[in-house]
Amino acid sequence: MQNNTITFSTSDDPPQLLTISRSSLVAGSTVFRDMLSLPSQDSSSPIPLTETAKELKPLLLALEGDEDAFKKVMQNAWSSRRDWQTFAVLADKYDIASARRRIETQIW
């Protein structure tokens, strides 16, 4: 039986755990959809990712469509051009169209 939520482990030291709904991941990212379609030994264990929590939080919020939380994170933690570049790279890496749209909105 599949869990309704997925937990990621970040590359921070110590690692942080970030949780998101499985349906948001599958609907919003072909990469995560394909990853979650593979058989796994233990679906309750966190999935390790190479990104930090600062890098992943806005991406996961974009996937979930939580506009208010997304804006708050971006205003508090993501003010530099480099942060937006990282967001764009991750949007491409994980094939997240909703994140790409947010970047286009910021640029235009």
PDB file of N, CA and C in Angstrom:
ATOM      1  N   MET A   1       0.841  -1.183   0.000  1.00  0.00           N
ATOM      2  CA  MET A   1       0.000   0.000   0.000  1.00  0.00           C
ATOM      3  C   MET A   1       0.883   1.243   0.000  1.00  0.00           C
ATOM      4  N   GLN A   2       0.556   2.227  -0.840  1.00  0.00           N
ATOM      5  CA  GLN A   2       1.361   3.427  -0.963  1.00  0.00           C
ATOM      6  C   GLN A   2       0.946   4.475   0.059  1.00  0.00           C
ATOM      7  N   ASN A   3       1.957   5.199   0.556  1.00  0.00           N
ATOM      8  CA  ASN A   3       1.684   6.319   1.455  1.00  0.00           C
ATOM      9  C   ASN A   3       1.087   7.469   0.657  1.00  0.00           C
ATOM     10  N   ASN A   4       0.276   8.281   1.317  1.00  0.00           N
ATOM     11  CA  ASN A   4      -0.298   9.460   0.665  1.00  0.00           C
ATOM     12  C   ASN A   4       0.677  10.622   0.643  1.00  0.00           C
ATOM     13  N   THR A   5       1.725  10.539   1.449  1.00  0.00           N
ATOM     14  CA  THR A   5       2.735  11.581   1.480  1.00  0.00           C
ATOM     15  C   THR A   5       4.109  10.987   1.212  1.00  0.00           C
ATOM     16  N   ILE A   6       4.989  11.837   0.728  1.00  0.00           N
ATOM     17  CA  ILE A   6       6.367  11.461   0.463  1.00  0.00           C
ATOM     18  C   ILE A   6       7.250  12.370   1.304  1.00  0.00           C
ATOM     19  N   THR A   7       8.270  11.801   1.912  1.00  0.00           N
ATOM     20  CA  THR A   7       9.210  12.569   2.701  1.00  0.00           C
ATOM     21  C   THR A   7      10.572  12.539   2.024  1.00  0.00           C
ATOM     22  N   PHE A   8      11.138  13.730   1.866  1.00  0.00           N
ATOM     23  CA  PHE A   8      12.484  13.861   1.311  1.00  0.00           C
ATOM     24  C   PHE A   8      13.441  14.225   2.424  1.00  0.00           C
ATOM     25  N   SER A   9      14.663  13.755   2.297  1.00  0.00           N
ATOM     26  CA  SER A   9      15.747  14.109   3.197  1.00  0.00           C
ATOM     27  C   SER A   9      16.691  15.033   2.428  1.00  0.00           C
ATOM     28  N   THR A  10      16.952  16.217   2.980  1.00  0.00           N
ATOM     29  CA  THR A  10      17.780  17.208   2.290  1.00  0.00           C
ATOM     30  C   THR A  10      19.266  16.939   2.519  1.00  0.00           C
ATOM     31  N   SER A  11      20.102  17.684   1.814  1.00  0.00           N
ATOM     32  CA  SER A  11      21.549  17.538   1.958  1.00  0.00           C
ATOM     33  C   SER A  11      22.112  18.403   3.081  1.00  0.00           C
ATOM     34  N   ASP A  12      21.246  19.086   3.821  1.00  0.00           N
ATOM     35  CA  ASP A  12      21.704  19.914   4.942  1.00  0.00           C
ATOM     36  C   ASP A  12      22.400  19.047   5.990  1.00  0.00           C
ATOM     37  N   ASP A  13      23.194  19.686   6.829  1.00  0.00           N
ATOM     38  CA  ASP A  13      23.850  18.979   7.922  1.00  0.00           C
ATOM     39  C   ASP A  13      23.426  19.637   9.227  1.00  0.00           C
ATOM     40  N   PRO A  14      22.519  19.019   9.975  1.00  0.00           N
ATOM     41  CA  PRO A  14      21.898  17.712   9.733  1.00  0.00           C
ATOM     42  C   PRO A  14      20.796  17.809   8.673  1.00  0.00           C
ATOM     43  N   PRO A  15      20.489  16.684   8.051  1.00  0.00           N
ATOM     44  CA  PRO A  15      19.436  16.674   7.025  1.00  0.00           C
ATOM     45  C   PRO A  15      18.086  17.088   7.608  1.00  0.00           C
ATOM     46  N   GLN A  16      17.326  17.818   6.805  1.00  0.00           N
ATOM     47  CA  GLN A  16      15.960  18.170   7.181  1.00  0.00           C
ATOM     48  C   GLN A  16      15.006  17.274   6.407  1.00  0.00           C
ATOM     49  N   LEU A  17      13.866  17.005   7.004  1.00  0.00           N
ATOM     50  CA  LEU A  17      12.841  16.196   6.349  1.00  0.00           C
ATOM     51  C   LEU A  17      11.734  17.110   5.844  1.00  0.00           C
ATOM     52  N   LEU A  18      11.403  16.987   4.572  1.00  0.00           N
ATOM     53  CA  LEU A  18      10.336  17.773   3.949  1.00  0.00           C
ATOM     54  C   LEU A  18       9.297  16.814   3.396  1.00  0.00           C
ATOM     55  N   THR A  19       8.040  17.094   3.679  1.00  0.00           N
ATOM     56  CA  THR A  19       6.949  16.207   3.281  1.00  0.00           C
ATOM     57  C   THR A  19       6.037  16.904   2.284  1.00  0.00           C
ATOM     58  N   ILE A  20       5.567  16.136   1.312  1.00  0.00           N
ATOM     59  CA  ILE A  20       4.646  16.649   0.292  1.00  0.00           C
ATOM     60  C   ILE A  20       3.703  15.507  -0.097  1.00  0.00           C
ATOM     61  N   SER A  21       2.538  15.859  -0.589  1.00  0.00           N
ATOM     62  CA  SER A  21       1.589  14.821  -0.983  1.00  0.00           C
ATOM     63  C   SER A  21       2.075  14.111  -2.251  1.00  0.00           C
ATOM     64  N   ARG A  22       1.871  12.833  -2.270  1.00  0.00           N
ATOM     65  CA  ARG A  22       2.248  12.013  -3.430  1.00  0.00           C
ATOM     66  C   ARG A  22       1.525  12.514  -4.682  1.00  0.00           C
ATOM     67  N   SER A  23       0.258  12.865  -4.551  1.00  0.00           N
ATOM     68  CA  SER A  23      -0.512  13.291  -5.719  1.00  0.00           C
ATOM     69  C   SER A  23       0.050  14.586  -6.318  1.00  0.00           C
ATOM     70  N   SER A  24       0.535  15.513  -5.474  1.00  0.00           N
ATOM     71  CA  SER A  24       1.144  16.748  -5.982  1.00  0.00           C
ATOM     72  C   SER A  24       2.421  16.441  -6.756  1.00  0.00           C
ATOM     73  N   LEU A  25       3.223  15.534  -6.233  1.00  0.00           N
ATOM     74  CA  LEU A  25       4.470  15.161  -6.918  1.00  0.00           C
ATOM     75  C   LEU A  25       4.195  14.519  -8.266  1.00  0.00           C
ATOM     76  N   VAL A  26       3.288  13.567  -8.278  1.00  0.00           N
ATOM     77  CA  VAL A  26       2.980  12.821  -9.500  1.00  0.00           C
ATOM     78  C   VAL A  26       2.346  13.733 -10.552  1.00  0.00           C
ATOM     79  N   ALA A  27       1.463  14.606 -10.125  1.00  0.00           N
ATOM     80  CA  ALA A  27       0.781  15.497 -11.070  1.00  0.00           C
ATOM     81  C   ALA A  27       1.698  16.595 -11.599  1.00  0.00           C
ATOM     82  N   GLY A  28       2.655  17.047 -10.786  1.00  0.00           N
ATOM     83  CA  GLY A  28       3.436  18.206 -11.151  1.00  0.00           C
ATOM     84  C   GLY A  28       4.815  17.966 -11.716  1.00  0.00           C
ATOM     85  N   SER A  29       5.318  16.745 -11.618  1.00  0.00           N
ATOM     86  CA  SER A  29       6.692  16.481 -12.044  1.00  0.00           C
ATOM     87  C   SER A  29       6.800  15.100 -12.684  1.00  0.00           C
ATOM     88  N   THR A  30       7.213  15.076 -13.936  1.00  0.00           N
ATOM     89  CA  THR A  30       7.391  13.773 -14.595  1.00  0.00           C
ATOM     90  C   THR A  30       8.552  13.005 -13.966  1.00  0.00           C
ATOM     91  N   VAL A  31       9.548  13.724 -13.490  1.00  0.00           N
ATOM     92  CA  VAL A  31      10.693  13.060 -12.856  1.00  0.00           C
ATOM     93  C   VAL A  31      10.253  12.357 -11.573  1.00  0.00           C
ATOM     94  N   PHE A  32       9.534  13.069 -10.704  1.00  0.00           N
ATOM     95  CA  PHE A  32       9.057  12.443  -9.472  1.00  0.00           C
ATOM     96  C   PHE A  32       8.034  11.346  -9.772  1.00  0.00           C
ATOM     97  N   ARG A  33       7.185  11.572 -10.782  1.00  0.00           N
ATOM     98  CA  ARG A  33       6.220  10.536 -11.153  1.00  0.00           C
ATOM     99  C   ARG A  33       6.943   9.246 -11.537  1.00  0.00           C
ATOM    100  N   ASP A  34       7.963   9.372 -12.379  1.00  0.00           N
ATOM    101  CA  ASP A  34       8.714   8.190 -12.792  1.00  0.00           C
ATOM    102  C   ASP A  34       9.462   7.557 -11.612  1.00  0.00           C
ATOM    103  N   MET A  35      10.055   8.397 -10.762  1.00  0.00           N
ATOM    104  CA  MET A  35      10.782   7.894  -9.595  1.00  0.00           C
ATOM    105  C   MET A  35       9.854   7.099  -8.677  1.00  0.00           C
ATOM    106  N   LEU A  36       8.663   7.618  -8.466  1.00  0.00           N
ATOM    107  CA  LEU A  36       7.730   6.963  -7.543  1.00  0.00           C
ATOM    108  C   LEU A  36       7.052   5.743  -8.157  1.00  0.00           C
ATOM    109  N   SER A  37       7.158   5.588  -9.467  1.00  0.00           N
ATOM    110  CA  SER A  37       6.569   4.408 -10.104  1.00  0.00           C
ATOM    111  C   SER A  37       7.482   3.192  -9.995  1.00  0.00           C
ATOM    112  N   LEU A  38       8.752   3.425  -9.636  1.00  0.00           N
ATOM    113  CA  LEU A  38       9.697   2.317  -9.491  1.00  0.00           C
ATOM    114  C   LEU A  38       9.426   1.563  -8.200  1.00  0.00           C
ATOM    115  N   PRO A  39       9.630   0.244  -8.220  1.00  0.00           N
ATOM    116  CA  PRO A  39       9.454  -0.515  -6.974  1.00  0.00           C
ATOM    117  C   PRO A  39      10.502  -0.088  -5.945  1.00  0.00           C
ATOM    118  N   SER A  40      10.094  -0.032  -4.693  1.00  0.00           N
ATOM    119  CA  SER A  40      11.035   0.318  -3.629  1.00  0.00           C
ATOM    120  C   SER A  40      10.938  -0.684  -2.496  1.00  0.00           C
ATOM    121  N   GLN A  41      12.025  -0.809  -1.771  1.00  0.00           N
ATOM    122  CA  GLN A  41      12.071  -1.742  -0.650  1.00  0.00           C
ATOM    123  C   GLN A  41      11.266  -1.230   0.542  1.00  0.00           C
ATOM    124  N   ASP A  42      11.416   0.051   0.843  1.00  0.00           N
ATOM    125  CA  ASP A  42      10.781   0.626   2.030  1.00  0.00           C
ATOM    126  C   ASP A  42      10.198   1.989   1.689  1.00  0.00           C
ATOM    127  N   SER A  43       8.912   2.033   1.436  1.00  0.00           N
ATOM    128  CA  SER A  43       8.272   3.284   1.028  1.00  0.00           C
ATOM    129  C   SER A  43       8.119   4.273   2.187  1.00  0.00           C
ATOM    130  N   SER A  44       8.400   3.851   3.411  1.00  0.00           N
ATOM    131  CA  SER A  44       8.271   4.761   4.550  1.00  0.00           C
ATOM    132  C   SER A  44       9.566   5.521   4.833  1.00  0.00           C
ATOM    133  N   SER A  45      10.670   5.129   4.216  1.00  0.00           N
ATOM    134  CA  SER A  45      11.944   5.812   4.428  1.00  0.00           C
ATOM    135  C   SER A  45      11.999   7.102   3.604  1.00  0.00           C
ATOM    136  N   PRO A  46      12.626   8.144   4.158  1.00  0.00           N
ATOM    137  CA  PRO A  46      12.779   9.382   3.389  1.00  0.00           C
ATOM    138  C   PRO A  46      13.626   9.148   2.139  1.00  0.00           C
ATOM    139  N   ILE A  47      13.303   9.876   1.091  1.00  0.00           N
ATOM    140  CA  ILE A  47      14.060   9.803  -0.159  1.00  0.00           C
ATOM    141  C   ILE A  47      15.140  10.882  -0.099  1.00  0.00           C
ATOM    142  N   PRO A  48      16.411  10.499  -0.160  1.00  0.00           N
ATOM    143  CA  PRO A  48      17.470  11.507  -0.089  1.00  0.00           C
ATOM    144  C   PRO A  48      17.589  12.282  -1.397  1.00  0.00           C
ATOM    145  N   LEU A  49      17.704  13.602  -1.284  1.00  0.00           N
ATOM    146  CA  LEU A  49      17.931  14.468  -2.436  1.00  0.00           C
ATOM    147  C   LEU A  49      19.211  15.267  -2.205  1.00  0.00           C
ATOM    148  N   THR A  50      19.811  15.749  -3.270  1.00  0.00           N
ATOM    149  CA  THR A  50      21.094  16.451  -3.166  1.00  0.00           C
ATOM    150  C   THR A  50      20.952  17.935  -2.847  1.00  0.00           C
ATOM    151  N   GLU A  51      19.731  18.436  -2.788  1.00  0.00           N
ATOM    152  CA  GLU A  51      19.495  19.851  -2.542  1.00  0.00           C
ATOM    153  C   GLU A  51      19.274  20.134  -1.052  1.00  0.00           C
ATOM    154  N   THR A  52      19.450  21.409  -0.699  1.00  0.00           N
ATOM    155  CA  THR A  52      19.193  21.851   0.672  1.00  0.00           C
ATOM    156  C   THR A  52      17.713  22.168   0.854  1.00  0.00           C
ATOM    157  N   ALA A  53      17.315  22.330   2.099  1.00  0.00           N
ATOM    158  CA  ALA A  53      15.925  22.698   2.388  1.00  0.00           C
ATOM    159  C   ALA A  53      15.594  24.068   1.791  1.00  0.00           C
ATOM    160  N   LYS A  54      16.540  25.003   1.858  1.00  0.00           N
ATOM    161  CA  LYS A  54      16.306  26.333   1.292  1.00  0.00           C
ATOM    162  C   LYS A  54      16.008  26.244  -0.198  1.00  0.00           C
ATOM    163  N   GLU A  55      16.683  25.339  -0.891  1.00  0.00           N
ATOM    164  CA  GLU A  55      16.469  25.173  -2.327  1.00  0.00           C
ATOM    165  C   GLU A  55      15.170  24.439  -2.632  1.00  0.00           C
ATOM    166  N   LEU A  56      14.827  23.453  -1.800  1.00  0.00           N
ATOM    167  CA  LEU A  56      13.666  22.599  -2.082  1.00  0.00           C
ATOM    168  C   LEU A  56      12.317  23.168  -1.648  1.00  0.00           C
ATOM    169  N   LYS A  57      12.289  23.905  -0.547  1.00  0.00           N
ATOM    170  CA  LYS A  57      10.995  24.380  -0.023  1.00  0.00           C
ATOM    171  C   LYS A  57      10.184  25.147  -1.061  1.00  0.00           C
ATOM    172  N   PRO A  58      10.756  26.149  -1.745  1.00  0.00           N
ATOM    173  CA  PRO A  58       9.951  26.866  -2.747  1.00  0.00           C
ATOM    174  C   PRO A  58       9.484  25.955  -3.878  1.00  0.00           C
ATOM    175  N   LEU A  59      10.314  25.007  -4.254  1.00  0.00           N
ATOM    176  CA  LEU A  59       9.953  24.078  -5.321  1.00  0.00           C
ATOM    177  C   LEU A  59       8.752  23.216  -4.913  1.00  0.00           C
ATOM    178  N   LEU A  60       8.779  22.701  -3.690  1.00  0.00           N
ATOM    179  CA  LEU A  60       7.672  21.873  -3.208  1.00  0.00           C
ATOM    180  C   LEU A  60       6.399  22.694  -3.034  1.00  0.00           C
ATOM    181  N   LEU A  61       6.544  23.938  -2.592  1.00  0.00           N
ATOM    182  CA  LEU A  61       5.371  24.805  -2.470  1.00  0.00           C
ATOM    183  C   LEU A  61       4.769  25.106  -3.836  1.00  0.00           C
ATOM    184  N   ALA A  62       5.628  25.278  -4.838  1.00  0.00           N
ATOM    185  CA  ALA A  62       5.126  25.488  -6.199  1.00  0.00           C
ATOM    186  C   ALA A  62       4.358  24.259  -6.679  1.00  0.00           C
ATOM    187  N   LEU A  63       4.850  23.090  -6.337  1.00  0.00           N
ATOM    188  CA  LEU A  63       4.158  21.851  -6.716  1.00  0.00           C
ATOM    189  C   LEU A  63       2.799  21.745  -6.040  1.00  0.00           C
ATOM    190  N   GLU A  64       2.731  22.141  -4.792  1.00  0.00           N
ATOM    191  CA  GLU A  64       1.471  22.030  -4.046  1.00  0.00           C
ATOM    192  C   GLU A  64       0.495  23.149  -4.381  1.00  0.00           C
ATOM    193  N   GLY A  65       0.972  24.211  -5.014  1.00  0.00           N
ATOM    194  CA  GLY A  65       0.088  25.310  -5.386  1.00  0.00           C
ATOM    195  C   GLY A  65      -0.292  26.214  -4.233  1.00  0.00           C
ATOM    196  N   ASP A  66       0.511  26.223  -3.163  1.00  0.00           N
ATOM    197  CA  ASP A  66       0.243  27.062  -1.993  1.00  0.00           C
ATOM    198  C   ASP A  66       0.845  28.446  -2.234  1.00  0.00           C
ATOM    199  N   GLU A  67       0.073  29.317  -2.873  1.00  0.00           N
ATOM    200  CA  GLU A  67       0.550  30.637  -3.302  1.00  0.00           C
ATOM    201  C   GLU A  67       1.023  31.501  -2.140  1.00  0.00           C
ATOM    202  N   ASP A  68       0.263  31.557  -1.059  1.00  0.00           N
ATOM    203  CA  ASP A  68       0.639  32.403   0.076  1.00  0.00           C
ATOM    204  C   ASP A  68       1.937  31.934   0.720  1.00  0.00           C
ATOM    205  N   ALA A  69       2.054  30.642   0.945  1.00  0.00           N
ATOM    206  CA  ALA A  69       3.276  30.105   1.551  1.00  0.00           C
ATOM    207  C   ALA A  69       4.466  30.299   0.620  1.00  0.00           C
ATOM    208  N   PHE A  70       4.249  30.124  -0.679  1.00  0.00           N
ATOM    209  CA  PHE A  70       5.314  30.316  -1.660  1.00  0.00           C
ATOM    210  C   PHE A  70       5.829  31.757  -1.613  1.00  0.00           C
ATOM    211  N   LYS A  71       4.922  32.720  -1.631  1.00  0.00           N
ATOM    212  CA  LYS A  71       5.319  34.135  -1.590  1.00  0.00           C
ATOM    213  C   LYS A  71       6.084  34.461  -0.316  1.00  0.00           C
ATOM    214  N   LYS A  72       5.626  33.921   0.804  1.00  0.00           N
ATOM    215  CA  LYS A  72       6.281  34.181   2.082  1.00  0.00           C
ATOM    216  C   LYS A  72       7.712  33.642   2.071  1.00  0.00           C
ATOM    217  N   VAL A  73       7.911  32.436   1.592  1.00  0.00           N
ATOM    218  CA  VAL A  73       9.252  31.848   1.523  1.00  0.00           C
ATOM    219  C   VAL A  73      10.136  32.664   0.596  1.00  0.00           C
ATOM    220  N   MET A  74       9.603  33.048  -0.549  1.00  0.00           N
ATOM    221  CA  MET A  74      10.399  33.803  -1.513  1.00  0.00           C
ATOM    222  C   MET A  74      10.787  35.175  -0.971  1.00  0.00           C
ATOM    223  N   GLN A  75       9.897  35.823  -0.248  1.00  0.00           N
ATOM    224  CA  GLN A  75      10.206  37.144   0.305  1.00  0.00           C
ATOM    225  C   GLN A  75      11.221  37.051   1.437  1.00  0.00           C
ATOM    226  N   ASN A  76      11.107  36.021   2.253  1.00  0.00           N
ATOM    227  CA  ASN A  76      11.978  35.901   3.423  1.00  0.00           C
ATOM    228  C   ASN A  76      13.344  35.308   3.106  1.00  0.00           C
ATOM    229  N   ALA A  77      13.399  34.385   2.184  1.00  0.00           N
ATOM    230  CA  ALA A  77      14.645  33.652   1.992  1.00  0.00           C
ATOM    231  C   ALA A  77      15.238  33.769   0.600  1.00  0.00           C
ATOM    232  N   TRP A  78      14.449  34.134  -0.373  1.00  0.00           N
ATOM    233  CA  TRP A  78      14.915  34.114  -1.753  1.00  0.00           C
ATOM    234  C   TRP A  78      14.833  35.494  -2.374  1.00  0.00           C
ATOM    235  N   SER A  79      15.845  36.279  -2.155  1.00  0.00           N
ATOM    236  CA  SER A  79      15.786  37.622  -2.725  1.00  0.00           C
ATOM    237  C   SER A  79      16.844  37.851  -3.797  1.00  0.00           C
ATOM    238  N   SER A  80      17.817  36.976  -3.903  1.00  0.00           N
ATOM    239  CA  SER A  80      18.904  37.206  -4.852  1.00  0.00           C
ATOM    240  C   SER A  80      18.633  36.552  -6.215  1.00  0.00           C
ATOM    241  N   ARG A  81      19.327  37.053  -7.192  1.00  0.00           N
ATOM    242  CA  ARG A  81      19.237  36.489  -8.543  1.00  0.00           C
ATOM    243  C   ARG A  81      19.713  35.033  -8.551  1.00  0.00           C
ATOM    244  N   ARG A  82      20.727  34.754  -7.752  1.00  0.00           N
ATOM    245  CA  ARG A  82      21.258  33.377  -7.665  1.00  0.00           C
ATOM    246  C   ARG A  82      20.196  32.396  -7.162  1.00  0.00           C
ATOM    247  N   ASP A  83      19.383  32.838  -6.197  1.00  0.00           N
ATOM    248  CA  ASP A  83      18.313  31.972  -5.685  1.00  0.00           C
ATOM    249  C   ASP A  83      17.312  31.641  -6.789  1.00  0.00           C
ATOM    250  N   TRP A  84      16.960  32.638  -7.596  1.00  0.00           N
ATOM    251  CA  TRP A  84      16.029  32.400  -8.698  1.00  0.00           C
ATOM    252  C   TRP A  84      16.658  31.499  -9.758  1.00  0.00           C
ATOM    253  N   GLN A  85      17.965  31.637  -9.975  1.00  0.00           N
ATOM    254  CA  GLN A  85      18.651  30.765 -10.926  1.00  0.00           C
ATOM    255  C   GLN A  85      18.627  29.319 -10.439  1.00  0.00           C
ATOM    256  N   THR A  86      18.851  29.136  -9.148  1.00  0.00           N
ATOM    257  CA  THR A  86      18.787  27.787  -8.566  1.00  0.00           C
ATOM    258  C   THR A  86      17.389  27.209  -8.734  1.00  0.00           C
ATOM    259  N   PHE A  87      16.373  28.031  -8.474  1.00  0.00           N
ATOM    260  CA  PHE A  87      14.989  27.600  -8.632  1.00  0.00           C
ATOM    261  C   PHE A  87      14.726  27.166 -10.079  1.00  0.00           C
ATOM    262  N   ALA A  88      15.242  27.930 -11.034  1.00  0.00           N
ATOM    263  CA  ALA A  88      15.058  27.599 -12.456  1.00  0.00           C
ATOM    264  C   ALA A  88      15.753  26.294 -12.816  1.00  0.00           C
ATOM    265  N   VAL A  89      16.955  26.097 -12.308  1.00  0.00           N
ATOM    266  CA  VAL A  89      17.689  24.850 -12.578  1.00  0.00           C
ATOM    267  C   VAL A  89      16.926  23.651 -12.020  1.00  0.00           C
ATOM    268  N   LEU A  90      16.404  23.785 -10.803  1.00  0.00           N
ATOM    269  CA  LEU A  90      15.659  22.678 -10.196  1.00  0.00           C
ATOM    270  C   LEU A  90      14.325  22.437 -10.905  1.00  0.00           C
ATOM    271  N   ALA A  91      13.700  23.499 -11.386  1.00  0.00           N
ATOM    272  CA  ALA A  91      12.458  23.337 -12.149  1.00  0.00           C
ATOM    273  C   ALA A  91      12.716  22.498 -13.395  1.00  0.00           C
ATOM    274  N   ASP A  92      13.865  22.727 -14.022  1.00  0.00           N
ATOM    275  CA  ASP A  92      14.234  21.914 -15.188  1.00  0.00           C
ATOM    276  C   ASP A  92      14.649  20.508 -14.782  1.00  0.00           C
ATOM    277  N   LYS A  93      15.465  20.408 -13.741  1.00  0.00           N
ATOM    278  CA  LYS A  93      15.961  19.101 -13.291  1.00  0.00           C
ATOM    279  C   LYS A  93      14.812  18.147 -12.968  1.00  0.00           C
ATOM    280  N   TYR A  94      13.805  18.652 -12.280  1.00  0.00           N
ATOM    281  CA  TYR A  94      12.687  17.812 -11.866  1.00  0.00           C
ATOM    282  C   TYR A  94      11.465  17.949 -12.785  1.00  0.00           C
ATOM    283  N   ASP A  95      11.606  18.694 -13.872  1.00  0.00           N
ATOM    284  CA  ASP A  95      10.552  18.861 -14.873  1.00  0.00           C
ATOM    285  C   ASP A  95       9.232  19.285 -14.225  1.00  0.00           C
ATOM    286  N   ILE A  96       9.257  20.485 -13.633  1.00  0.00           N
ATOM    287  CA  ILE A  96       8.092  21.012 -12.919  1.00  0.00           C
ATOM    288  C   ILE A  96       7.586  22.262 -13.645  1.00  0.00           C
ATOM    289  N   ALA A  97       6.543  22.089 -14.417  1.00  0.00           N
ATOM    290  CA  ALA A  97       5.994  23.175 -15.233  1.00  0.00           C
ATOM    291  C   ALA A  97       5.482  24.332 -14.374  1.00  0.00           C
ATOM    292  N   SER A  98       4.864  24.050 -13.236  1.00  0.00           N
ATOM    293  CA  SER A  98       4.333  25.120 -12.388  1.00  0.00           C
ATOM    294  C   SER A  98       5.457  26.010 -11.858  1.00  0.00           C
ATOM    295  N   ALA A  99       6.608  25.439 -11.590  1.00  0.00           N
ATOM    296  CA  ALA A  99       7.760  26.230 -11.142  1.00  0.00           C
ATOM    297  C   ALA A  99       8.282  27.087 -12.289  1.00  0.00           C
ATOM    298  N   ARG A 100       8.316  26.533 -13.484  1.00  0.00           N
ATOM    299  CA  ARG A 100       8.749  27.311 -14.651  1.00  0.00           C
ATOM    300  C   ARG A 100       7.827  28.508 -14.882  1.00  0.00           C
ATOM    301  N   ARG A 101       6.519  28.307 -14.698  1.00  0.00           N
ATOM    302  CA  ARG A 101       5.569  29.410 -14.865  1.00  0.00           C
ATOM    303  C   ARG A 101       5.828  30.514 -13.846  1.00  0.00           C
ATOM    304  N   ARG A 102       6.175  30.144 -12.639  1.00  0.00           N
ATOM    305  CA  ARG A 102       6.479  31.145 -11.611  1.00  0.00           C
ATOM    306  C   ARG A 102       7.715  31.959 -11.994  1.00  0.00           C
ATOM    307  N   ILE A 103       8.693  31.311 -12.584  1.00  0.00           N
ATOM    308  CA  ILE A 103       9.894  32.014 -13.029  1.00  0.00           C
ATOM    309  C   ILE A 103       9.534  32.988 -14.141  1.00  0.00           C
ATOM    310  N   GLU A 104       8.739  32.557 -15.090  1.00  0.00           N
ATOM    311  CA  GLU A 104       8.320  33.437 -16.181  1.00  0.00           C
ATOM    312  C   GLU A 104       7.542  34.638 -15.644  1.00  0.00           C
ATOM    313  N   THR A 105       6.725  34.429 -14.643  1.00  0.00           N
ATOM    314  CA  THR A 105       5.968  35.509 -14.032  1.00  0.00           C
ATOM    315  C   THR A 105       6.913  36.528 -13.400  1.00  0.00           C
ATOM    316  N   GLN A 106       7.967  36.053 -12.737  1.00  0.00           N
ATOM    317  CA  GLN A 106       8.933  36.941 -12.106  1.00  0.00           C
ATOM    318  C   GLN A 106       9.720  37.729 -13.131  1.00  0.00           C
ATOM    319  N   ILE A 107      10.088  37.086 -14.226  1.00  0.00           N
ATOM    320  CA  ILE A 107      10.922  37.720 -15.238  1.00  0.00           C
ATOM    321  C   ILE A 107      10.133  38.725 -16.048  1.00  0.00           C
ATOM    322  N   TRP A 108       8.928  38.388 -16.411  1.00  0.00           N
ATOM    323  CA  TRP A 108       8.121  39.253 -17.282  1.00  0.00           C
ATOM    324  C   TRP A 108       7.264  40.115 -16.425  1.00  0.00           C
TER     325      TRP A 108
END
